[in-house]
C-alpha cells in the first residue's frame, strides 16, 4: 500500500486470501474472506491496520459505492466492533 510508505506490504492471493507484512513490528496479518469480495477485504484489512496504529487514508477505509451512472450511493465500512480485540502497536 503506497499510502503507508513502506510500513506495510500487501499481497492478494487466490480464493479471497489477503496478507499484510509489517516489517517494523516483525508481524504479519492474514485475512480470509469467504466470498472473496475485494472491497470488503480491503475495508476489513484497513480497519485492522488502523486499529494497529497505522494512518490508513479514508479512501481505503471507506471506499465509495457508485451506481451505473457514477452516482455515489453509499460506501463500504467496517463493523468496528469486530476489531475490538486488535491491539494498537504504536
C-alpha atoms as a PDB file:
ATOM      1  CA  UNK A   1       0.000   0.000   0.000  1.00  0.00           C
ATOM      2  CA  UNK A   2       1.846   3.033  -1.301  1.00  0.00           C
ATOM      3  CA  UNK A   3      -0.145   5.312   1.001  1.00  0.00           C
ATOM      4  CA  UNK A   4       1.592   3.811   4.048  1.00  0.00           C
ATOM      5  CA  UNK A   5       5.117   4.431   2.678  1.00  0.00           C
ATOM      6  CA  UNK A   6       6.713   1.064   3.294  1.00  0.00           C
ATOM      7  CA  UNK A   7       5.115   0.443   6.695  1.00  0.00           C
ATOM      8  CA  UNK A   8       3.016  -2.360   5.195  1.00  0.00           C
ATOM      9  CA  UNK A   9       3.444  -4.713   2.259  1.00  0.00           C
ATOM     10  CA  UNK A  10       0.256  -6.306   0.965  1.00  0.00           C
ATOM     11  CA  UNK A  11      -0.331  -9.420  -1.122  1.00  0.00           C
ATOM     12  CA  UNK A  12      -3.632 -10.529  -2.568  1.00  0.00           C
ATOM     13  CA  UNK A  13      -3.930 -14.245  -3.136  1.00  0.00           C
ATOM     14  CA  UNK A  14      -6.468 -16.543  -4.681  1.00  0.00           C
ATOM     15  CA  UNK A  15      -9.766 -17.520  -3.078  1.00  0.00           C
ATOM     16  CA  UNK A  16     -10.140 -14.328  -1.026  1.00  0.00           C
ATOM     17  CA  UNK A  17      -6.844 -14.516   0.895  1.00  0.00           C
ATOM     18  CA  UNK A  18      -5.127 -11.241   1.796  1.00  0.00           C
ATOM     19  CA  UNK A  19      -1.811 -10.926   3.629  1.00  0.00           C
ATOM     20  CA  UNK A  20      -0.091  -7.888   5.146  1.00  0.00           C
ATOM     21  CA  UNK A  21       3.521  -7.803   6.350  1.00  0.00           C
ATOM     22  CA  UNK A  22       4.541  -5.177   8.899  1.00  0.00           C
ATOM     23  CA  UNK A  23       8.366  -5.323   8.958  1.00  0.00           C
ATOM     24  CA  UNK A  24       8.866  -2.725  11.701  1.00  0.00           C
ATOM     25  CA  UNK A  25       6.933  -4.929  14.131  1.00  0.00           C
ATOM     26  CA  UNK A  26       8.087  -8.221  12.620  1.00  0.00           C
ATOM     27  CA  UNK A  27       4.429  -9.138  12.279  1.00  0.00           C
ATOM     28  CA  UNK A  28       2.107 -10.469   9.619  1.00  0.00           C
ATOM     29  CA  UNK A  29      -1.666 -10.406   9.245  1.00  0.00           C
ATOM     30  CA  UNK A  30      -3.686 -12.850   7.148  1.00  0.00           C
ATOM     31  CA  UNK A  31      -7.312 -12.362   6.217  1.00  0.00           C
ATOM     32  CA  UNK A  32      -9.640 -14.849   4.512  1.00  0.00           C
ATOM     33  CA  UNK A  33     -12.884 -13.565   3.042  1.00  0.00           C
ATOM     34  CA  UNK A  34     -15.477 -16.288   2.497  1.00  0.00           C
ATOM     35  CA  UNK A  35     -16.970 -14.581  -0.546  1.00  0.00           C
ATOM     36  CA  UNK A  36     -13.615 -13.322  -1.825  1.00  0.00           C
ATOM     37  CA  UNK A  37     -15.022  -9.795  -2.058  1.00  0.00           C
ATOM     38  CA  UNK A  38     -12.212  -7.385  -2.911  1.00  0.00           C
ATOM     39  CA  UNK A  39     -13.774  -4.209  -1.498  1.00  0.00           C
ATOM     40  CA  UNK A  40     -14.901  -5.963   1.695  1.00  0.00           C
ATOM     41  CA  UNK A  41     -11.420  -7.385   2.289  1.00  0.00           C
ATOM     42  CA  UNK A  42      -9.770  -4.013   1.671  1.00  0.00           C
ATOM     43  CA  UNK A  43     -12.093  -2.350   4.181  1.00  0.00           C
ATOM     44  CA  UNK A  44     -11.524  -5.109   6.773  1.00  0.00           C
ATOM     45  CA  UNK A  45      -7.736  -5.012   6.353  1.00  0.00           C
ATOM     46  CA  UNK A  46      -7.785  -1.204   6.519  1.00  0.00           C
ATOM     47  CA  UNK A  47      -9.726  -1.407   9.795  1.00  0.00           C
ATOM     48  CA  UNK A  48      -7.213  -3.875  11.240  1.00  0.00           C
ATOM     49  CA  UNK A  49      -4.243  -1.709  10.213  1.00  0.00           C
ATOM     50  CA  UNK A  50      -5.936   1.398  11.610  1.00  0.00           C
ATOM     51  CA  UNK A  51      -6.515  -0.365  14.937  1.00  0.00           C
ATOM     52  CA  UNK A  52      -2.821  -1.238  14.927  1.00  0.00           C
ATOM     53  CA  UNK A  53      -1.993   2.473  14.807  1.00  0.00           C
ATOM     54  CA  UNK A  54      -1.283   2.996  11.103  1.00  0.00           C
ATOM     55  CA  UNK A  55      -2.710   6.061   9.348  1.00  0.00           C
ATOM     56  CA  UNK A  56      -4.786   4.441   6.586  1.00  0.00           C
ATOM     57  CA  UNK A  57      -6.256   7.105   4.256  1.00  0.00           C
ATOM     58  CA  UNK A  58     -10.071   7.343   4.376  1.00  0.00           C
ATOM     59  CA  UNK A  59     -10.356   6.372   0.706  1.00  0.00           C
ATOM     60  CA  UNK A  60      -9.153   2.878   1.581  1.00  0.00           C
ATOM     61  CA  UNK A  61     -11.099   2.522   4.814  1.00  0.00           C
ATOM     62  CA  UNK A  62     -14.429   3.773   3.405  1.00  0.00           C
ATOM     63  CA  UNK A  63     -14.430   3.481  -0.394  1.00  0.00           C
ATOM     64  CA  UNK A  64     -17.416   4.881  -2.253  1.00  0.00           C
ATOM     65  CA  UNK A  65     -20.068   2.689  -3.837  1.00  0.00           C
ATOM     66  CA  UNK A  66     -21.415   4.064  -7.109  1.00  0.00           C
ATOM     67  CA  UNK A  67     -24.298   3.051  -9.322  1.00  0.00           C
ATOM     68  CA  UNK A  68     -24.136   2.500 -13.089  1.00  0.00           C
ATOM     69  CA  UNK A  69     -24.449   6.255 -13.643  1.00  0.00           C
ATOM     70  CA  UNK A  70     -21.409   7.001 -11.473  1.00  0.00           C
ATOM     71  CA  UNK A  71     -23.516   8.487  -8.687  1.00  0.00           C
ATOM     72  CA  UNK A  72     -22.249   7.756  -5.186  1.00  0.00           C
ATOM     73  CA  UNK A  73     -24.919   5.743  -3.408  1.00  0.00           C
ATOM     74  CA  UNK A  74     -23.050   4.806  -0.249  1.00  0.00           C
ATOM     75  CA  UNK A  75     -19.748   3.458   0.956  1.00  0.00           C
ATOM     76  CA  UNK A  76     -18.172   0.291   2.265  1.00  0.00           C
ATOM     77  CA  UNK A  77     -17.466   0.446   6.007  1.00  0.00           C
ATOM     78  CA  UNK A  78     -16.237  -1.964   8.645  1.00  0.00           C
ATOM     79  CA  UNK A  79     -18.198  -3.092  11.651  1.00  0.00           C
ATOM     80  CA  UNK A  80     -15.656  -1.573  14.024  1.00  0.00           C
ATOM     81  CA  UNK A  81     -16.734  -3.671  16.991  1.00  0.00           C
ATOM     82  CA  UNK A  82     -15.493  -6.729  15.091  1.00  0.00           C
ATOM     83  CA  UNK A  83     -11.938  -5.465  15.691  1.00  0.00           C
ATOM     84  CA  UNK A  84     -12.221  -4.654  19.407  1.00  0.00           C
ATOM     85  CA  UNK A  85      -9.607  -7.272  20.299  1.00  0.00           C
ATOM     86  CA  UNK A  86      -6.960  -5.947  17.894  1.00  0.00           C
ATOM     87  CA  UNK A  87      -4.358  -4.031  19.929  1.00  0.00           C
ATOM     88  CA  UNK A  88      -2.587  -0.880  18.782  1.00  0.00           C
ATOM     89  CA  UNK A  89       1.116  -1.489  18.153  1.00  0.00           C
ATOM     90  CA  UNK A  90       2.347   2.084  18.027  1.00  0.00           C
END
